[in-house]
PDB file of N, CA and C in Angstrom:
ATOM      1  N   UNK A   1      59.205  20.016  17.173  1.00  0.00           N
ATOM      2  CA  UNK A   1      59.354  20.071  18.614  1.00  0.00           C
ATOM      3  C   UNK A   1      60.422  21.085  19.002  1.00  0.00           C
ATOM      4  N   UNK A   2      60.165  21.770  20.083  1.00  0.00           N
ATOM      5  CA  UNK A   2      61.108  22.762  20.595  1.00  0.00           C
ATOM      6  C   UNK A   2      62.003  22.112  21.647  1.00  0.00           C
ATOM      7  N   UNK A   3      63.308  22.175  21.421  1.00  0.00           N
ATOM      8  CA  UNK A   3      64.265  21.644  22.397  1.00  0.00           C
ATOM      9  C   UNK A   3      64.393  22.650  23.539  1.00  0.00           C
ATOM     10  N   UNK A   4      64.209  22.172  24.769  1.00  0.00           N
ATOM     11  CA  UNK A   4      64.301  23.042  25.930  1.00  0.00           C
ATOM     12  C   UNK A   4      65.697  23.051  26.523  1.00  0.00           C
ATOM     13  N   UNK A   5      66.280  21.855  26.698  1.00  0.00           N
ATOM     14  CA  UNK A   5      67.585  21.742  27.341  1.00  0.00           C
ATOM     15  C   UNK A   5      68.036  20.294  27.280  1.00  0.00           C
ATOM     16  N   UNK A   6      69.150  20.010  27.920  1.00  0.00           N
ATOM     17  CA  UNK A   6      69.623  18.639  28.102  1.00  0.00           C
ATOM     18  C   UNK A   6      69.202  18.147  29.474  1.00  0.00           C
ATOM     19  N   UNK A   7      69.113  16.835  29.627  1.00  0.00           N
ATOM     20  CA  UNK A   7      68.695  16.276  30.916  1.00  0.00           C
ATOM     21  C   UNK A   7      69.639  16.694  32.041  1.00  0.00           C
ATOM     22  N   UNK A   8      70.931  16.798  31.750  1.00  0.00           N
ATOM     23  CA  UNK A   8      71.877  17.167  32.818  1.00  0.00           C
ATOM     24  C   UNK A   8      71.748  18.629  33.250  1.00  0.00           C
ATOM     25  N   UNK A   9      70.989  19.424  32.501  1.00  0.00           N
ATOM     26  CA  UNK A   9      70.756  20.816  32.886  1.00  0.00           C
ATOM     27  C   UNK A   9      69.764  20.941  34.042  1.00  0.00           C
ATOM     28  N   UNK A  10      69.050  19.840  34.343  1.00  0.00           N
ATOM     29  CA  UNK A  10      68.070  19.846  35.427  1.00  0.00           C
ATOM     30  C   UNK A  10      68.392  18.693  36.367  1.00  0.00           C
ATOM     31  N   UNK A  11      69.264  18.933  37.342  1.00  0.00           N
ATOM     32  CA  UNK A  11      69.626  17.874  38.293  1.00  0.00           C
ATOM     33  C   UNK A  11      68.416  17.411  39.119  1.00  0.00           C
ATOM     34  N   UNK A  12      68.573  16.263  39.726  1.00  0.00           N
ATOM     35  CA  UNK A  12      67.550  15.704  40.609  1.00  0.00           C
ATOM     36  C   UNK A  12      67.140  16.726  41.662  1.00  0.00           C
ATOM     37  N   UNK A  13      65.819  16.870  41.843  1.00  0.00           N
ATOM     38  CA  UNK A  13      65.223  17.790  42.825  1.00  0.00           C
ATOM     39  C   UNK A  13      65.601  19.254  42.598  1.00  0.00           C
ATOM     40  N   UNK A  14      65.747  19.607  41.328  1.00  0.00           N
ATOM     41  CA  UNK A  14      65.890  21.012  40.945  1.00  0.00           C
ATOM     42  C   UNK A  14      64.895  21.299  39.836  1.00  0.00           C
ATOM     43  N   UNK A  15      64.743  22.556  39.486  1.00  0.00           N
ATOM     44  CA  UNK A  15      63.788  22.960  38.454  1.00  0.00           C
ATOM     45  C   UNK A  15      64.363  24.121  37.666  1.00  0.00           C
ATOM     46  N   UNK A  16      63.924  24.247  36.435  1.00  0.00           N
ATOM     47  CA  UNK A  16      64.339  25.352  35.564  1.00  0.00           C
ATOM     48  C   UNK A  16      63.118  25.893  34.832  1.00  0.00           C
ATOM     49  N   UNK A  17      63.136  27.179  34.583  1.00  0.00           N
ATOM     50  CA  UNK A  17      62.061  27.820  33.841  1.00  0.00           C
ATOM     51  C   UNK A  17      62.466  28.066  32.405  1.00  0.00           C
ATOM     52  N   UNK A  18      61.478  28.039  31.506  1.00  0.00           N
ATOM     53  CA  UNK A  18      61.703  28.249  30.080  1.00  0.00           C
ATOM     54  C   UNK A  18      60.560  29.067  29.499  1.00  0.00           C
ATOM     55  N   UNK A  19      60.894  29.964  28.559  1.00  0.00           N
ATOM     56  CA  UNK A  19      59.882  30.667  27.786  1.00  0.00           C
ATOM     57  C   UNK A  19      59.640  29.862  26.527  1.00  0.00           C
ATOM     58  N   UNK A  20      58.388  29.493  26.291  1.00  0.00           N
ATOM     59  CA  UNK A  20      58.039  28.653  25.150  1.00  0.00           C
ATOM     60  C   UNK A  20      56.864  29.253  24.399  1.00  0.00           C
ATOM     61  N   UNK A  21      56.517  28.620  23.282  1.00  0.00           N
ATOM     62  CA  UNK A  21      55.346  29.043  22.517  1.00  0.00           C
ATOM     63  C   UNK A  21      54.056  28.852  23.310  1.00  0.00           C
ATOM     64  N   UNK A  22      54.084  27.953  24.297  1.00  0.00           N
ATOM     65  CA  UNK A  22      52.921  27.706  25.150  1.00  0.00           C
ATOM     66  C   UNK A  22      52.896  28.633  26.353  1.00  0.00           C
ATOM     67  N   UNK A  23      53.903  29.501  26.467  1.00  0.00           N
ATOM     68  CA  UNK A  23      54.032  30.396  27.610  1.00  0.00           C
ATOM     69  C   UNK A  23      55.160  29.937  28.502  1.00  0.00           C
ATOM     70  N   UNK A  24      55.345  30.609  29.642  1.00  0.00           N
ATOM     71  CA  UNK A  24      56.427  30.205  30.545  1.00  0.00           C
ATOM     72  C   UNK A  24      56.084  28.866  31.198  1.00  0.00           C
ATOM     73  N   UNK A  25      57.068  27.974  31.242  1.00  0.00           N
ATOM     74  CA  UNK A  25      56.886  26.672  31.876  1.00  0.00           C
ATOM     75  C   UNK A  25      58.034  26.411  32.828  1.00  0.00           C
ATOM     76  N   UNK A  26      57.851  25.402  33.682  1.00  0.00           N
ATOM     77  CA  UNK A  26      58.939  24.916  34.521  1.00  0.00           C
ATOM     78  C   UNK A  26      59.089  23.428  34.274  1.00  0.00           C
ATOM     79  N   UNK A  27      60.322  22.966  34.354  1.00  0.00           N
ATOM     80  CA  UNK A  27      60.620  21.538  34.239  1.00  0.00           C
ATOM     81  C   UNK A  27      61.417  21.157  35.479  1.00  0.00           C
ATOM     82  N   UNK A  28      61.033  20.046  36.093  1.00  0.00           N
ATOM     83  CA  UNK A  28      61.723  19.563  37.279  1.00  0.00           C
ATOM     84  C   UNK A  28      61.956  18.060  37.156  1.00  0.00           C
ATOM     85  N   UNK A  29      62.913  17.559  37.945  1.00  0.00           N
ATOM     86  CA  UNK A  29      63.237  16.138  37.920  1.00  0.00           C
ATOM     87  C   UNK A  29      63.002  15.535  39.301  1.00  0.00           C
ATOM     88  N   UNK A  30      62.362  14.361  39.304  1.00  0.00           N
ATOM     89  CA  UNK A  30      62.151  13.628  40.547  1.00  0.00           C
ATOM     90  C   UNK A  30      62.340  12.148  40.265  1.00  0.00           C
ATOM     91  N   UNK A  31      63.285  11.538  40.959  1.00  0.00           N
ATOM     92  CA  UNK A  31      63.568  10.103  40.832  1.00  0.00           C
ATOM     93  C   UNK A  31      63.806   9.693  39.383  1.00  0.00           C
ATOM     94  N   UNK A  32      64.528  10.542  38.653  1.00  0.00           N
ATOM     95  CA  UNK A  32      64.897  10.237  37.274  1.00  0.00           C
ATOM     96  C   UNK A  32      63.845  10.559  36.237  1.00  0.00           C
ATOM     97  N   UNK A  33      62.655  10.962  36.650  1.00  0.00           N
ATOM     98  CA  UNK A  33      61.591  11.343  35.712  1.00  0.00           C
ATOM     99  C   UNK A  33      61.498  12.865  35.657  1.00  0.00           C
ATOM    100  N   UNK A  34      61.095  13.383  34.503  1.00  0.00           N
ATOM    101  CA  UNK A  34      60.976  14.829  34.305  1.00  0.00           C
ATOM    102  C   UNK A  34      59.504  15.203  34.198  1.00  0.00           C
ATOM    103  N   UNK A  35      59.148  16.329  34.828  1.00  0.00           N
ATOM    104  CA  UNK A  35      57.781  16.820  34.850  1.00  0.00           C
ATOM    105  C   UNK A  35      57.786  18.281  34.423  1.00  0.00           C
ATOM    106  N   UNK A  36      56.755  18.681  33.674  1.00  0.00           N
ATOM    107  CA  UNK A  36      56.672  20.063  33.201  1.00  0.00           C
ATOM    108  C   UNK A  36      55.268  20.613  33.452  1.00  0.00           C
ATOM    109  N   UNK A  37      55.220  21.880  33.860  1.00  0.00           N
ATOM    110  CA  UNK A  37      53.961  22.570  34.140  1.00  0.00           C
ATOM    111  C   UNK A  37      54.051  24.009  33.651  1.00  0.00           C
ATOM    112  N   UNK A  38      52.886  24.576  33.320  1.00  0.00           N
ATOM    113  CA  UNK A  38      52.858  26.010  33.066  1.00  0.00           C
ATOM    114  C   UNK A  38      53.301  26.719  34.338  1.00  0.00           C
ATOM    115  N   UNK A  39      54.077  27.768  34.189  1.00  0.00           N
ATOM    116  CA  UNK A  39      54.540  28.563  35.321  1.00  0.00           C
ATOM    117  C   UNK A  39      53.447  29.562  35.671  1.00  0.00           C
ATOM    118  N   UNK A  40      52.370  29.028  36.280  1.00  0.00           N
ATOM    119  CA  UNK A  40      51.190  29.829  36.519  1.00  0.00           C
ATOM    120  C   UNK A  40      50.428  29.230  37.700  1.00  0.00           C
ATOM    121  N   UNK A  41      50.287  29.986  38.764  1.00  0.00           N
ATOM    122  CA  UNK A  41      49.536  29.526  39.923  1.00  0.00           C
ATOM    123  C   UNK A  41      48.047  29.483  39.598  1.00  0.00           C
ATOM    124  N   UNK A  42      47.352  28.379  39.894  1.00  0.00           N
ATOM    125  CA  UNK A  42      45.920  28.317  39.591  1.00  0.00           C
ATOM    126  C   UNK A  42      45.077  29.236  40.470  1.00  0.00           C
ATOM    127  N   UNK A  43      45.624  29.737  41.562  1.00  0.00           N
ATOM    128  CA  UNK A  43      44.868  30.605  42.468  1.00  0.00           C
ATOM    129  C   UNK A  43      44.842  32.049  41.982  1.00  0.00           C
ATOM    130  N   UNK A  44      46.021  32.616  41.703  1.00  0.00           N
ATOM    131  CA  UNK A  44      46.089  34.031  41.330  1.00  0.00           C
ATOM    132  C   UNK A  44      46.548  34.276  39.891  1.00  0.00           C
ATOM    133  N   UNK A  45      47.024  33.236  39.223  1.00  0.00           N
ATOM    134  CA  UNK A  45      47.507  33.404  37.861  1.00  0.00           C
ATOM    135  C   UNK A  45      48.886  34.030  37.773  1.00  0.00           C
ATOM    136  N   UNK A  46      49.589  34.104  38.900  1.00  0.00           N
ATOM    137  CA  UNK A  46      50.928  34.678  38.903  1.00  0.00           C
ATOM    138  C   UNK A  46      51.968  33.591  38.616  1.00  0.00           C
ATOM    139  N   UNK A  47      53.160  34.020  38.209  1.00  0.00           N
ATOM    140  CA  UNK A  47      54.250  33.064  38.043  1.00  0.00           C
ATOM    141  C   UNK A  47      54.648  32.551  39.415  1.00  0.00           C
ATOM    142  N   UNK A  48      55.171  31.333  39.465  1.00  0.00           N
ATOM    143  CA  UNK A  48      55.397  30.654  40.736  1.00  0.00           C
ATOM    144  C   UNK A  48      56.667  31.064  41.470  1.00  0.00           C
ATOM    145  N   UNK A  49      57.758  31.295  40.756  1.00  0.00           N
ATOM    146  CA  UNK A  49      59.041  31.474  41.429  1.00  0.00           C
ATOM    147  C   UNK A  49      59.239  32.892  41.950  1.00  0.00           C
ATOM    148  N   UNK A  50      60.002  32.996  43.039  1.00  0.00           N
ATOM    149  CA  UNK A  50      60.321  34.309  43.602  1.00  0.00           C
ATOM    150  C   UNK A  50      61.626  34.853  43.045  1.00  0.00           C
ATOM    151  N   UNK A  51      62.503  33.963  42.592  1.00  0.00           N
ATOM    152  CA  UNK A  51      63.724  34.317  41.884  1.00  0.00           C
ATOM    153  C   UNK A  51      63.855  33.345  40.726  1.00  0.00           C
ATOM    154  N   UNK A  52      64.660  33.691  39.756  1.00  0.00           N
ATOM    155  CA  UNK A  52      64.820  32.842  38.582  1.00  0.00           C
ATOM    156  C   UNK A  52      65.164  31.407  38.989  1.00  0.00           C
ATOM    157  N   UNK A  53      64.396  30.473  38.471  1.00  0.00           N
ATOM    158  CA  UNK A  53      64.571  29.030  38.669  1.00  0.00           C
ATOM    159  C   UNK A  53      64.411  28.568  40.123  1.00  0.00           C
ATOM    160  N   UNK A  54      63.742  29.357  40.958  1.00  0.00           N
ATOM    161  CA  UNK A  54      63.481  28.981  42.350  1.00  0.00           C
ATOM    162  C   UNK A  54      62.020  28.538  42.478  1.00  0.00           C
ATOM    163  N   UNK A  55      61.740  27.319  42.036  1.00  0.00           N
ATOM    164  CA  UNK A  55      60.374  26.801  42.007  1.00  0.00           C
ATOM    165  C   UNK A  55      60.060  25.843  43.150  1.00  0.00           C
ATOM    166  N   UNK A  56      61.067  25.357  43.863  1.00  0.00           N
ATOM    167  CA  UNK A  56      60.850  24.332  44.868  1.00  0.00           C
ATOM    168  C   UNK A  56      60.980  24.897  46.277  1.00  0.00           C
ATOM    169  N   UNK A  57      60.303  24.240  47.220  1.00  0.00           N
ATOM    170  CA  UNK A  57      60.404  24.668  48.615  1.00  0.00           C
ATOM    171  C   UNK A  57      61.812  24.397  49.145  1.00  0.00           C
ATOM    172  N   UNK A  58      62.078  24.790  50.380  1.00  0.00           N
ATOM    173  CA  UNK A  58      63.429  24.684  50.932  1.00  0.00           C
ATOM    174  C   UNK A  58      63.941  23.237  50.987  1.00  0.00           C
ATOM    175  N   UNK A  59      63.034  22.287  51.190  1.00  0.00           N
ATOM    176  CA  UNK A  59      63.426  20.874  51.238  1.00  0.00           C
ATOM    177  C   UNK A  59      63.460  20.231  49.849  1.00  0.00           C
ATOM    178  N   UNK A  60      63.114  20.995  48.835  1.00  0.00           N
ATOM    179  CA  UNK A  60      63.057  20.517  47.444  1.00  0.00           C
ATOM    180  C   UNK A  60      62.119  19.326  47.280  1.00  0.00           C
ATOM    181  N   UNK A  61      61.060  19.357  48.071  1.00  0.00           N
ATOM    182  CA  UNK A  61      60.065  18.286  48.041  1.00  0.00           C
ATOM    183  C   UNK A  61      58.864  18.656  47.171  1.00  0.00           C
ATOM    184  N   UNK A  62      58.464  19.939  47.202  1.00  0.00           N
ATOM    185  CA  UNK A  62      57.267  20.405  46.507  1.00  0.00           C
ATOM    186  C   UNK A  62      57.569  21.634  45.646  1.00  0.00           C
ATOM    187  N   UNK A  63      56.742  21.828  44.626  1.00  0.00           N
ATOM    188  CA  UNK A  63      56.740  23.089  43.883  1.00  0.00           C
ATOM    189  C   UNK A  63      55.974  24.073  44.764  1.00  0.00           C
ATOM    190  N   UNK A  64      56.492  25.289  44.889  1.00  0.00           N
ATOM    191  CA  UNK A  64      55.871  26.271  45.779  1.00  0.00           C
ATOM    192  C   UNK A  64      55.542  27.546  45.017  1.00  0.00           C
ATOM    193  N   UNK A  65      54.406  28.139  45.355  1.00  0.00           N
ATOM    194  CA  UNK A  65      54.055  29.442  44.801  1.00  0.00           C
ATOM    195  C   UNK A  65      54.612  30.510  45.729  1.00  0.00           C
ATOM    196  N   UNK A  66      55.442  31.365  45.199  1.00  0.00           N
ATOM    197  CA  UNK A  66      56.073  32.392  46.028  1.00  0.00           C
ATOM    198  C   UNK A  66      55.080  33.450  46.493  1.00  0.00           C
ATOM    199  N   UNK A  67      53.948  33.582  45.833  1.00  0.00           N
ATOM    200  CA  UNK A  67      52.984  34.620  46.194  1.00  0.00           C
ATOM    201  C   UNK A  67      52.271  34.304  47.499  1.00  0.00           C
ATOM    202  N   UNK A  68      51.828  33.053  47.683  1.00  0.00           N
ATOM    203  CA  UNK A  68      51.074  32.736  48.890  1.00  0.00           C
ATOM    204  C   UNK A  68      51.459  31.406  49.541  1.00  0.00           C
ATOM    205  N   UNK A  69      52.546  30.784  49.080  1.00  0.00           N
ATOM    206  CA  UNK A  69      53.068  29.595  49.740  1.00  0.00           C
ATOM    207  C   UNK A  69      52.346  28.297  49.443  1.00  0.00           C
ATOM    208  N   UNK A  70      51.481  28.268  48.452  1.00  0.00           N
ATOM    209  CA  UNK A  70      50.811  27.011  48.099  1.00  0.00           C
ATOM    210  C   UNK A  70      51.855  25.978  47.690  1.00  0.00           C
ATOM    211  N   UNK A  71      51.614  24.718  48.059  1.00  0.00           N
ATOM    212  CA  UNK A  71      52.529  23.626  47.730  1.00  0.00           C
ATOM    213  C   UNK A  71      51.851  22.672  46.751  1.00  0.00           C
ATOM    214  N   UNK A  72      52.615  22.264  45.744  1.00  0.00           N
ATOM    215  CA  UNK A  72      52.112  21.375  44.698  1.00  0.00           C
ATOM    216  C   UNK A  72      52.991  20.135  44.607  1.00  0.00           C
ATOM    217  N   UNK A  73      52.379  18.973  44.458  1.00  0.00           N
ATOM    218  CA  UNK A  73      53.143  17.751  44.283  1.00  0.00           C
ATOM    219  C   UNK A  73      53.842  17.775  42.923  1.00  0.00           C
ATOM    220  N   UNK A  74      55.091  17.339  42.906  1.00  0.00           N
ATOM    221  CA  UNK A  74      55.876  17.324  41.669  1.00  0.00           C
ATOM    222  C   UNK A  74      55.280  16.349  40.665  1.00  0.00           C
ATOM    223  N   UNK A  75      54.860  15.181  41.127  1.00  0.00           N
ATOM    224  CA  UNK A  75      54.458  14.112  40.220  1.00  0.00           C
ATOM    225  C   UNK A  75      53.156  14.368  39.466  1.00  0.00           C
ATOM    226  N   UNK A  76      52.225  15.137  40.056  1.00  0.00           N
ATOM    227  CA  UNK A  76      50.951  15.365  39.351  1.00  0.00           C
ATOM    228  C   UNK A  76      50.469  16.812  39.389  1.00  0.00           C
ATOM    229  N   UNK A  77      51.214  17.702  40.036  1.00  0.00           N
ATOM    230  CA  UNK A  77      50.858  19.118  40.056  1.00  0.00           C
ATOM    231  C   UNK A  77      49.708  19.472  40.972  1.00  0.00           C
ATOM    232  N   UNK A  78      49.230  18.526  41.789  1.00  0.00           N
ATOM    233  CA  UNK A  78      48.084  18.817  42.650  1.00  0.00           C
ATOM    234  C   UNK A  78      48.508  19.666  43.841  1.00  0.00           C
ATOM    235  N   UNK A  79      47.652  20.612  44.190  1.00  0.00           N
ATOM    236  CA  UNK A  79      47.909  21.494  45.327  1.00  0.00           C
ATOM    237  C   UNK A  79      47.508  20.763  46.599  1.00  0.00           C
ATOM    238  N   UNK A  80      48.460  20.653  47.524  1.00  0.00           N
ATOM    239  CA  UNK A  80      48.193  19.945  48.779  1.00  0.00           C
ATOM    240  C   UNK A  80      48.141  20.886  49.983  1.00  0.00           C
ATOM    241  N   UNK A  81      48.490  22.156  49.761  1.00  0.00           N
ATOM    242  CA  UNK A  81      48.463  23.136  50.848  1.00  0.00           C
ATOM    243  C   UNK A  81      48.290  24.523  50.254  1.00  0.00           C
ATOM    244  N   UNK A  82      47.449  25.335  50.886  1.00  0.00           N
ATOM    245  CA  UNK A  82      47.275  26.712  50.463  1.00  0.00           C
ATOM    246  C   UNK A  82      45.879  26.980  49.941  1.00  0.00           C
ATOM    247  N   UNK A  83      45.633  28.216  49.502  1.00  0.00           N
ATOM    248  CA  UNK A  83      44.291  28.635  49.108  1.00  0.00           C
ATOM    249  C   UNK A  83      43.755  27.942  47.853  1.00  0.00           C
ATOM    250  N   UNK A  84      44.616  27.294  47.093  1.00  0.00           N
ATOM    251  CA  UNK A  84      44.141  26.611  45.881  1.00  0.00           C
ATOM    252  C   UNK A  84      44.123  25.097  46.073  1.00  0.00           C
ATOM    253  N   UNK A  85      44.070  24.646  47.340  1.00  0.00           N
ATOM    254  CA  UNK A  85      44.064  23.218  47.630  1.00  0.00           C
ATOM    255  C   UNK A  85      42.955  22.536  46.847  1.00  0.00           C
ATOM    256  N   UNK A  86      43.308  21.439  46.189  1.00  0.00           N
ATOM    257  CA  UNK A  86      42.365  20.721  45.331  1.00  0.00           C
ATOM    258  C   UNK A  86      42.525  21.066  43.866  1.00  0.00           C
ATOM    259  N   UNK A  87      43.139  22.207  43.552  1.00  0.00           N
ATOM    260  CA  UNK A  87      43.433  22.588  42.165  1.00  0.00           C
ATOM    261  C   UNK A  87      44.738  21.923  41.730  1.00  0.00           C
ATOM    262  N   UNK A  88      45.070  22.095  40.469  1.00  0.00           N
ATOM    263  CA  UNK A  88      46.297  21.518  39.908  1.00  0.00           C
ATOM    264  C   UNK A  88      47.028  22.542  39.061  1.00  0.00           C
ATOM    265  N   UNK A  89      48.344  22.395  39.006  1.00  0.00           N
ATOM    266  CA  UNK A  89      49.106  23.093  37.988  1.00  0.00           C
ATOM    267  C   UNK A  89      48.739  22.470  36.641  1.00  0.00           C
ATOM    268  N   UNK A  90      48.887  23.228  35.573  1.00  0.00           N
ATOM    269  CA  UNK A  90      48.581  22.717  34.234  1.00  0.00           C
ATOM    270  C   UNK A  90      49.805  22.002  33.682  1.00  0.00           C
ATOM    271  N   UNK A  91      49.668  20.690  33.477  1.00  0.00           N
ATOM    272  CA  UNK A  91      50.769  19.887  32.950  1.00  0.00           C
ATOM    273  C   UNK A  91      51.057  20.254  31.500  1.00  0.00           C
ATOM    274  N   UNK A  92      52.325  20.179  31.147  1.00  0.00           N
ATOM    275  CA  UNK A  92      52.787  20.429  29.781  1.00  0.00           C
ATOM    276  C   UNK A  92      53.508  19.170  29.324  1.00  0.00           C
ATOM    277  N   UNK A  93      53.178  18.695  28.129  1.00  0.00           N
ATOM    278  CA  UNK A  93      53.788  17.460  27.640  1.00  0.00           C
ATOM    279  C   UNK A  93      55.201  17.718  27.135  1.00  0.00           C
ATOM    280  N   UNK A  94      56.130  16.932  27.667  1.00  0.00           N
ATOM    281  CA  UNK A  94      57.527  16.979  27.218  1.00  0.00           C
ATOM    282  C   UNK A  94      57.948  15.568  26.845  1.00  0.00           C
ATOM    283  N   UNK A  95      59.062  15.490  26.136  1.00  0.00           N
ATOM    284  CA  UNK A  95      59.601  14.202  25.717  1.00  0.00           C
ATOM    285  C   UNK A  95      61.107  14.225  25.924  1.00  0.00           C
ATOM    286  N   UNK A  96      61.634  13.153  26.525  1.00  0.00           N
ATOM    287  CA  UNK A  96      63.076  13.005  26.709  1.00  0.00           C
ATOM    288  C   UNK A  96      63.571  12.072  25.613  1.00  0.00           C
ATOM    289  N   UNK A  97      64.469  12.569  24.780  1.00  0.00           N
ATOM    290  CA  UNK A  97      64.975  11.798  23.643  1.00  0.00           C
ATOM    291  C   UNK A  97      66.302  11.127  23.971  1.00  0.00           C
ATOM    292  N   UNK A  98      66.654  10.159  23.152  1.00  0.00           N
ATOM    293  CA  UNK A  98      67.885   9.406  23.357  1.00  0.00           C
ATOM    294  C   UNK A  98      69.135  10.279  23.206  1.00  0.00           C
ATOM    295  N   UNK A  99      68.992  11.459  22.589  1.00  0.00           N
ATOM    296  CA  UNK A  99      70.133  12.370  22.466  1.00  0.00           C
ATOM    297  C   UNK A  99      70.387  13.160  23.750  1.00  0.00           C
ATOM    298  N   UNK A 100      69.573  12.865  24.791  1.00  0.00           N
ATOM    299  CA  UNK A 100      69.715  13.565  26.071  1.00  0.00           C
ATOM    300  C   UNK A 100      68.948  14.862  26.127  1.00  0.00           C
ATOM    301  N   UNK A 101      68.199  15.188  25.097  1.00  0.00           N
ATOM    302  CA  UNK A 101      67.444  16.421  25.060  1.00  0.00           C
ATOM    303  C   UNK A 101      66.051  16.275  25.643  1.00  0.00           C
ATOM    304  N   UNK A 102      65.582  17.356  26.247  1.00  0.00           N
ATOM    305  CA  UNK A 102      64.202  17.451  26.708  1.00  0.00           C
ATOM    306  C   UNK A 102      63.493  18.379  25.731  1.00  0.00           C
ATOM    307  N   UNK A 103      62.408  17.886  25.142  1.00  0.00           N
ATOM    308  CA  UNK A 103      61.701  18.608  24.097  1.00  0.00           C
ATOM    309  C   UNK A 103      60.253  18.881  24.518  1.00  0.00           C
ATOM    310  N   UNK A 104      59.769  20.052  24.146  1.00  0.00           N
ATOM    311  CA  UNK A 104      58.378  20.403  24.324  1.00  0.00           C
ATOM    312  C   UNK A 104      57.579  19.750  23.206  1.00  0.00           C
ATOM    313  N   UNK A 105      56.560  18.985  23.560  1.00  0.00           N
ATOM    314  CA  UNK A 105      55.723  18.358  22.540  1.00  0.00           C
ATOM    315  C   UNK A 105      54.699  19.386  22.096  1.00  0.00           C
ATOM    316  N   UNK A 106      54.658  19.644  20.802  1.00  0.00           N
ATOM    317  CA  UNK A 106      53.751  20.680  20.244  1.00  0.00           C
ATOM    318  C   UNK A 106      52.336  20.164  20.109  1.00  0.00           C
TER     319      UNK A 106
END
């Protein structure tokens, strides 16, 4: 397993990007749970953030695509607004270990 970071590196309602063997991914935290997705918009195939680690909208409620403003739910990656409505971000399996590490499941 590839260690991505520690849990404290991703505060509540923030997100971080990582380059992995599976490609670029983002990890975000919501209500103490961590979620990971490929950093790839299902509409255009572009990376989501407009600046490094800027994956969330201004209210930090949704993952946003900087290219066309599509909004995705954090908990399941479903697009709720924009041209890819009904599509989903591709989930990536991660594991939070007792050592405080977040690991990419291979």
